[in-house]
Amino acid sequence: MRRSWNEDKALFLLKKYLDEEKWEGVTHFRKKNTPLYEYLYRKMGMDAAFSKIGLNYSDFKKSEGKHVKVRSDKEITNDLYCFIQSNKWRGASHLSKHHSNFHRELSRIGFPEAFQKIGLDYKDYRYAIWDKNEILKSLETIINNNEWQGVLQLKIHNNKLYNAIIREFGFSKAFKELGLNYDDYKLYN
């Protein structure tokens, strides 16, 4: 059964877990409470979550042997600002794959909070921001490789491209930009 989370519920369950003395480190918590961990980690960051219940997250980390340089929130948010200004932002999953340390640092702060610190709303950046030319090039590649099987197939197999086309153009206009008649490709639906 899928749970619907909110901040109060998640913080209550975290505090309850700690009060019941079940805490055996982050890895154990993640394995035993994956949905709760994912919500806390992605929505607010573990530092912020512990802070909101009046505790210091570093007191609960088990791995003392690894000495990782912890950059300040200001350094991280400055890098985020530069990342966005230089048009490198492609969404959190892209960041996770290609810049895992930076993704980890932002997760520690919490993505919404990090964006708020630089005066932006995370909702506007949550999904990959595609350049119009990238969208058209990706669609053209699918068509040229004879992989086009209609809008529904694109939605199922390449949801990010589908959403980008819907947001930027609509399918009729996207095909027109490529010099193609969308009606000729609608037959695949």
C-alpha atoms as a PDB file:
ATOM      1  CA  MET A   1       0.000   0.000   0.000  1.00  0.00           C
ATOM      2  CA  ARG A   2       1.363   3.384  -0.990  1.00  0.00           C
ATOM      3  CA  ARG A   3       1.508   5.984   1.772  1.00  0.00           C
ATOM      4  CA  SER A   4       0.857   9.627   1.320  1.00  0.00           C
ATOM      5  CA  TRP A   5       3.444  11.577   3.274  1.00  0.00           C
ATOM      6  CA  ASN A   6       3.532  15.031   4.707  1.00  0.00           C
ATOM      7  CA  GLU A   7       6.206  16.716   6.771  1.00  0.00           C
ATOM      8  CA  ASP A   8       4.400  16.447  10.133  1.00  0.00           C
ATOM      9  CA  LYS A   9       3.653  12.738   9.712  1.00  0.00           C
ATOM     10  CA  ALA A  10       7.206  11.947   8.596  1.00  0.00           C
ATOM     11  CA  LEU A  11       8.789  13.883  11.473  1.00  0.00           C
ATOM     12  CA  PHE A  12       6.423  12.236  13.960  1.00  0.00           C
ATOM     13  CA  LEU A  13       7.392   8.761  12.717  1.00  0.00           C
ATOM     14  CA  LEU A  14      11.108   9.613  12.785  1.00  0.00           C
ATOM     15  CA  LYS A  15      10.832  10.860  16.371  1.00  0.00           C
ATOM     16  CA  LYS A  16       8.820   7.781  17.362  1.00  0.00           C
ATOM     17  CA  TYR A  17      11.449   5.514  15.804  1.00  0.00           C
ATOM     18  CA  LEU A  18      14.185   7.283  17.759  1.00  0.00           C
ATOM     19  CA  ASP A  19      12.176   7.339  20.999  1.00  0.00           C
ATOM     20  CA  GLU A  20      11.629   3.576  20.732  1.00  0.00           C
ATOM     21  CA  GLU A  21      15.427   3.230  20.527  1.00  0.00           C
ATOM     22  CA  LYS A  22      15.318   1.349  17.232  1.00  0.00           C
ATOM     23  CA  TRP A  23      18.016   3.540  15.647  1.00  0.00           C
ATOM     24  CA  GLU A  24      21.026   1.524  14.472  1.00  0.00           C
ATOM     25  CA  GLY A  25      22.403   3.961  11.929  1.00  0.00           C
ATOM     26  CA  VAL A  26      21.340   5.453   8.633  1.00  0.00           C
ATOM     27  CA  THR A  27      21.826   2.296   6.569  1.00  0.00           C
ATOM     28  CA  HIS A  28      19.662   0.246   8.918  1.00  0.00           C
ATOM     29  CA  PHE A  29      17.012   2.981   9.024  1.00  0.00           C
ATOM     30  CA  ARG A  30      16.995   3.187   5.219  1.00  0.00           C
ATOM     31  CA  LYS A  31      16.542  -0.583   4.869  1.00  0.00           C
ATOM     32  CA  LYS A  32      13.813  -0.880   7.514  1.00  0.00           C
ATOM     33  CA  ASN A  33      11.922   2.320   6.657  1.00  0.00           C
ATOM     34  CA  THR A  34      12.613   2.933   2.994  1.00  0.00           C
ATOM     35  CA  PRO A  35       9.532   5.082   2.198  1.00  0.00           C
ATOM     36  CA  LEU A  36      10.023   7.221   5.310  1.00  0.00           C
ATOM     37  CA  TYR A  37      13.746   7.565   4.670  1.00  0.00           C
ATOM     38  CA  GLU A  38      13.162   8.504   1.008  1.00  0.00           C
ATOM     39  CA  TYR A  39      10.606  11.139   1.961  1.00  0.00           C
ATOM     40  CA  LEU A  40      12.844  12.698   4.625  1.00  0.00           C
ATOM     41  CA  TYR A  41      15.968  12.486   2.459  1.00  0.00           C
ATOM     42  CA  ARG A  42      14.412  13.913  -0.702  1.00  0.00           C
ATOM     43  CA  LYS A  43      11.938  16.437   0.666  1.00  0.00           C
ATOM     44  CA  MET A  44      13.910  18.097   3.439  1.00  0.00           C
ATOM     45  CA  GLY A  45      17.284  16.433   3.853  1.00  0.00           C
ATOM     46  CA  MET A  46      18.285  14.422   6.918  1.00  0.00           C
ATOM     47  CA  ASP A  47      20.061  17.359   8.612  1.00  0.00           C
ATOM     48  CA  ALA A  48      16.925  19.486   8.365  1.00  0.00           C
ATOM     49  CA  ALA A  49      14.651  16.622   9.501  1.00  0.00           C
ATOM     50  CA  PHE A  50      16.675  15.972  12.646  1.00  0.00           C
ATOM     51  CA  SER A  51      16.968  19.686  13.290  1.00  0.00           C
ATOM     52  CA  LYS A  52      13.174  20.081  13.106  1.00  0.00           C
ATOM     53  CA  ILE A  53      12.745  17.520  15.895  1.00  0.00           C
ATOM     54  CA  GLY A  54      15.433  19.238  17.961  1.00  0.00           C
ATOM     55  CA  LEU A  55      18.317  16.836  17.315  1.00  0.00           C
ATOM     56  CA  ASN A  56      21.667  17.013  15.546  1.00  0.00           C
ATOM     57  CA  TYR A  57      21.893  14.519  12.684  1.00  0.00           C
ATOM     58  CA  SER A  58      25.666  14.152  12.993  1.00  0.00           C
ATOM     59  CA  ASP A  59      25.113  12.660  16.494  1.00  0.00           C
ATOM     60  CA  PHE A  60      23.229   9.792  14.865  1.00  0.00           C
ATOM     61  CA  LYS A  61      25.607   8.935  12.043  1.00  0.00           C
ATOM     62  CA  LYS A  62      27.427   5.664  12.597  1.00  0.00           C
ATOM     63  CA  SER A  63      30.264   5.954  10.098  1.00  0.00           C
ATOM     64  CA  GLU A  64      32.952   7.845  11.948  1.00  0.00           C
ATOM     65  CA  GLY A  65      35.818   6.359   9.933  1.00  0.00           C
ATOM     66  CA  LYS A  66      35.060   8.205   6.711  1.00  0.00           C
ATOM     67  CA  HIS A  67      36.191  11.802   6.785  1.00  0.00           C
ATOM     68  CA  VAL A  68      34.285  13.607   4.085  1.00  0.00           C
ATOM     69  CA  LYS A  69      34.788  17.306   3.648  1.00  0.00           C
ATOM     70  CA  VAL A  70      31.466  18.919   4.412  1.00  0.00           C
ATOM     71  CA  ARG A  71      30.943  22.081   2.442  1.00  0.00           C
ATOM     72  CA  SER A  72      28.819  24.879   3.833  1.00  0.00           C
ATOM     73  CA  ASP A  73      25.252  25.361   2.636  1.00  0.00           C
ATOM     74  CA  LYS A  74      26.323  28.692   1.167  1.00  0.00           C
ATOM     75  CA  GLU A  75      29.023  27.054  -0.992  1.00  0.00           C
ATOM     76  CA  ILE A  76      26.569  24.420  -2.179  1.00  0.00           C
ATOM     77  CA  THR A  77      23.805  26.885  -2.980  1.00  0.00           C
ATOM     78  CA  ASN A  78      26.297  29.136  -4.792  1.00  0.00           C
ATOM     79  CA  ASP A  79      27.288  26.141  -6.921  1.00  0.00           C
ATOM     80  CA  LEU A  80      23.603  25.390  -7.543  1.00  0.00           C
ATOM     81  CA  TYR A  81      23.044  28.967  -8.686  1.00  0.00           C
ATOM     82  CA  CYS A  82      26.038  28.768 -11.050  1.00  0.00           C
ATOM     83  CA  PHE A  83      24.859  25.376 -12.299  1.00  0.00           C
ATOM     84  CA  ILE A  84      21.453  26.809 -13.209  1.00  0.00           C
ATOM     85  CA  GLN A  85      22.876  30.037 -14.666  1.00  0.00           C
ATOM     86  CA  SER A  86      25.232  28.078 -16.922  1.00  0.00           C
ATOM     87  CA  ASN A  87      22.219  26.077 -18.193  1.00  0.00           C
ATOM     88  CA  LYS A  88      23.517  22.739 -16.863  1.00  0.00           C
ATOM     89  CA  TRP A  89      20.421  21.844 -14.793  1.00  0.00           C
ATOM     90  CA  ARG A  90      18.721  18.741 -16.198  1.00  0.00           C
ATOM     91  CA  GLY A  91      16.816  17.599 -13.118  1.00  0.00           C
ATOM     92  CA  ALA A  92      17.704  15.765  -9.910  1.00  0.00           C
ATOM     93  CA  SER A  93      18.008  12.306 -11.489  1.00  0.00           C
ATOM     94  CA  HIS A  94      20.488  13.619 -14.071  1.00  0.00           C
ATOM     95  CA  LEU A  95      22.410  15.273 -11.249  1.00  0.00           C
ATOM     96  CA  SER A  96      22.413  12.002  -9.308  1.00  0.00           C
ATOM     97  CA  LYS A  97      23.923  10.093 -12.243  1.00  0.00           C
ATOM     98  CA  HIS A  98      26.456  12.654 -13.420  1.00  0.00           C
ATOM     99  CA  HIS A  99      27.286  14.706 -10.312  1.00  0.00           C
ATOM    100  CA  SER A 100      26.604  12.334  -7.418  1.00  0.00           C
ATOM    101  CA  ASN A 101      28.569  14.259  -4.769  1.00  0.00           C
ATOM    102  CA  PHE A 102      26.783  17.485  -5.614  1.00  0.00           C
ATOM    103  CA  HIS A 103      23.439  15.630  -5.592  1.00  0.00           C
ATOM    104  CA  ARG A 104      24.286  14.234  -2.151  1.00  0.00           C
ATOM    105  CA  GLU A 105      25.141  17.693  -0.851  1.00  0.00           C
ATOM    106  CA  LEU A 106      21.887  19.163  -2.154  1.00  0.00           C
ATOM    107  CA  SER A 107      19.957  16.234  -0.678  1.00  0.00           C
ATOM    108  CA  ARG A 108      21.505  16.961   2.703  1.00  0.00           C
ATOM    109  CA  ILE A 109      20.127  20.505   2.565  1.00  0.00           C
ATOM    110  CA  GLY A 110      16.913  19.437   0.840  1.00  0.00           C
ATOM    111  CA  PHE A 111      16.207  20.422  -2.764  1.00  0.00           C
ATOM    112  CA  PRO A 112      13.280  22.778  -1.987  1.00  0.00           C
ATOM    113  CA  GLU A 113      15.310  24.561   0.711  1.00  0.00           C
ATOM    114  CA  ALA A 114      18.415  24.865  -1.479  1.00  0.00           C
ATOM    115  CA  PHE A 115      16.389  26.421  -4.292  1.00  0.00           C
ATOM    116  CA  GLN A 116      14.625  28.717  -1.853  1.00  0.00           C
ATOM    117  CA  LYS A 117      18.002  29.942  -0.562  1.00  0.00           C
ATOM    118  CA  ILE A 118      18.880  31.189  -4.050  1.00  0.00           C
ATOM    119  CA  GLY A 119      15.451  32.750  -4.565  1.00  0.00           C
ATOM    120  CA  LEU A 120      13.989  30.078  -6.844  1.00  0.00           C
ATOM    121  CA  ASP A 121      11.050  27.715  -6.488  1.00  0.00           C
ATOM    122  CA  TYR A 122      12.055  24.054  -6.801  1.00  0.00           C
ATOM    123  CA  LYS A 123       8.715  23.269  -8.436  1.00  0.00           C
ATOM    124  CA  ASP A 124       9.863  25.267 -11.461  1.00  0.00           C
ATOM    125  CA  TYR A 125      13.064  23.195 -11.706  1.00  0.00           C
ATOM    126  CA  ARG A 126      11.952  19.819 -10.417  1.00  0.00           C
ATOM    127  CA  TYR A 127      11.769  18.291 -13.846  1.00  0.00           C
ATOM    128  CA  ALA A 128      14.479  18.384 -16.456  1.00  0.00           C
ATOM    129  CA  ILE A 129      14.652  21.666 -18.300  1.00  0.00           C
ATOM    130  CA  TRP A 130      15.136  20.904 -21.954  1.00  0.00           C
ATOM    131  CA  ASP A 131      16.289  23.348 -24.557  1.00  0.00           C
ATOM    132  CA  LYS A 132      13.783  23.528 -27.434  1.00  0.00           C
ATOM    133  CA  ASN A 133      16.457  22.365 -29.860  1.00  0.00           C
ATOM    134  CA  GLU A 134      17.236  19.339 -27.638  1.00  0.00           C
ATOM    135  CA  ILE A 135      13.550  18.395 -27.600  1.00  0.00           C
ATOM    136  CA  LEU A 136      13.249  18.632 -31.364  1.00  0.00           C
ATOM    137  CA  LYS A 137      16.525  16.793 -31.938  1.00  0.00           C
ATOM    138  CA  SER A 138      15.420  13.941 -29.650  1.00  0.00           C
ATOM    139  CA  LEU A 139      12.056  13.656 -31.396  1.00  0.00           C
ATOM    140  CA  GLU A 140      13.732  13.788 -34.807  1.00  0.00           C
ATOM    141  CA  THR A 141      16.163  11.031 -33.782  1.00  0.00           C
ATOM    142  CA  ILE A 142      13.270   8.774 -32.754  1.00  0.00           C
ATOM    143  CA  ILE A 143      11.506   9.406 -36.074  1.00  0.00           C
ATOM    144  CA  ASN A 144      14.669   8.958 -38.177  1.00  0.00           C
ATOM    145  CA  ASN A 145      15.504   5.690 -36.394  1.00  0.00           C
ATOM    146  CA  ASN A 146      12.006   4.381 -37.210  1.00  0.00           C
ATOM    147  CA  GLU A 147      11.266   4.150 -33.477  1.00  0.00           C
ATOM    148  CA  TRP A 148       8.180   6.379 -33.597  1.00  0.00           C
ATOM    149  CA  GLN A 149       5.132   4.360 -32.588  1.00  0.00           C
ATOM    150  CA  GLY A 150       2.827   7.165 -31.576  1.00  0.00           C
ATOM    151  CA  VAL A 151       2.242   9.505 -28.687  1.00  0.00           C
ATOM    152  CA  LEU A 152       1.077   6.802 -26.290  1.00  0.00           C
ATOM    153  CA  GLN A 153       4.210   4.723 -26.844  1.00  0.00           C
ATOM    154  CA  LEU A 154       6.380   7.794 -26.343  1.00  0.00           C
ATOM    155  CA  LYS A 155       4.551   8.576 -23.103  1.00  0.00           C
ATOM    156  CA  ILE A 156       5.141   5.029 -21.851  1.00  0.00           C
ATOM    157  CA  HIS A 157       8.749   4.603 -23.000  1.00  0.00           C
ATOM    158  CA  ASN A 158      10.126   8.157 -22.882  1.00  0.00           C
ATOM    159  CA  ASN A 159       7.995  10.086 -20.442  1.00  0.00           C
ATOM    160  CA  LYS A 160      10.530  12.900 -20.056  1.00  0.00           C
ATOM    161  CA  LEU A 161      10.552  13.670 -23.771  1.00  0.00           C
ATOM    162  CA  TYR A 162       6.767  13.354 -23.933  1.00  0.00           C
ATOM    163  CA  ASN A 163       6.350  15.867 -21.076  1.00  0.00           C
ATOM    164  CA  ALA A 164       8.913  18.235 -22.579  1.00  0.00           C
ATOM    165  CA  ILE A 165       7.074  18.241 -25.937  1.00  0.00           C
ATOM    166  CA  ILE A 166       3.740  18.862 -24.217  1.00  0.00           C
ATOM    167  CA  ARG A 167       5.188  21.727 -22.133  1.00  0.00           C
ATOM    168  CA  GLU A 168       7.089  23.460 -24.918  1.00  0.00           C
ATOM    169  CA  PHE A 169       5.143  22.861 -28.118  1.00  0.00           C
ATOM    170  CA  GLY A 170       2.405  20.323 -28.289  1.00  0.00           C
ATOM    171  CA  PHE A 171       2.884  17.517 -30.797  1.00  0.00           C
ATOM    172  CA  SER A 172       1.385  19.256 -33.811  1.00  0.00           C
ATOM    173  CA  LYS A 173       3.717  22.242 -33.469  1.00  0.00           C
ATOM    174  CA  ALA A 174       6.752  20.057 -32.690  1.00  0.00           C
ATOM    175  CA  PHE A 175       6.247  18.077 -35.902  1.00  0.00           C
ATOM    176  CA  LYS A 176       5.690  21.309 -37.823  1.00  0.00           C
ATOM    177  CA  GLU A 177       9.024  22.638 -36.458  1.00  0.00           C
ATOM    178  CA  LEU A 178      10.660  19.521 -37.910  1.00  0.00           C
ATOM    179  CA  GLY A 179       9.010  20.160 -41.282  1.00  0.00           C
ATOM    180  CA  LEU A 180       6.688  17.176 -40.845  1.00  0.00           C
ATOM    181  CA  ASN A 181       2.920  16.869 -40.925  1.00  0.00           C
ATOM    182  CA  TYR A 182       1.732  15.506 -37.581  1.00  0.00           C
ATOM    183  CA  ASP A 183      -1.372  14.005 -39.227  1.00  0.00           C
ATOM    184  CA  ASP A 184       0.898  11.627 -41.139  1.00  0.00           C
ATOM    185  CA  TYR A 185       2.253  10.308 -37.824  1.00  0.00           C
ATOM    186  CA  LYS A 186      -1.021  10.193 -35.873  1.00  0.00           C
ATOM    187  CA  LEU A 187      -1.933   6.887 -37.479  1.00  0.00           C
ATOM    188  CA  TYR A 188       0.323   5.146 -34.978  1.00  0.00           C
ATOM    189  CA  ASN A 189      -1.930   6.072 -32.010  1.00  0.00           C
END
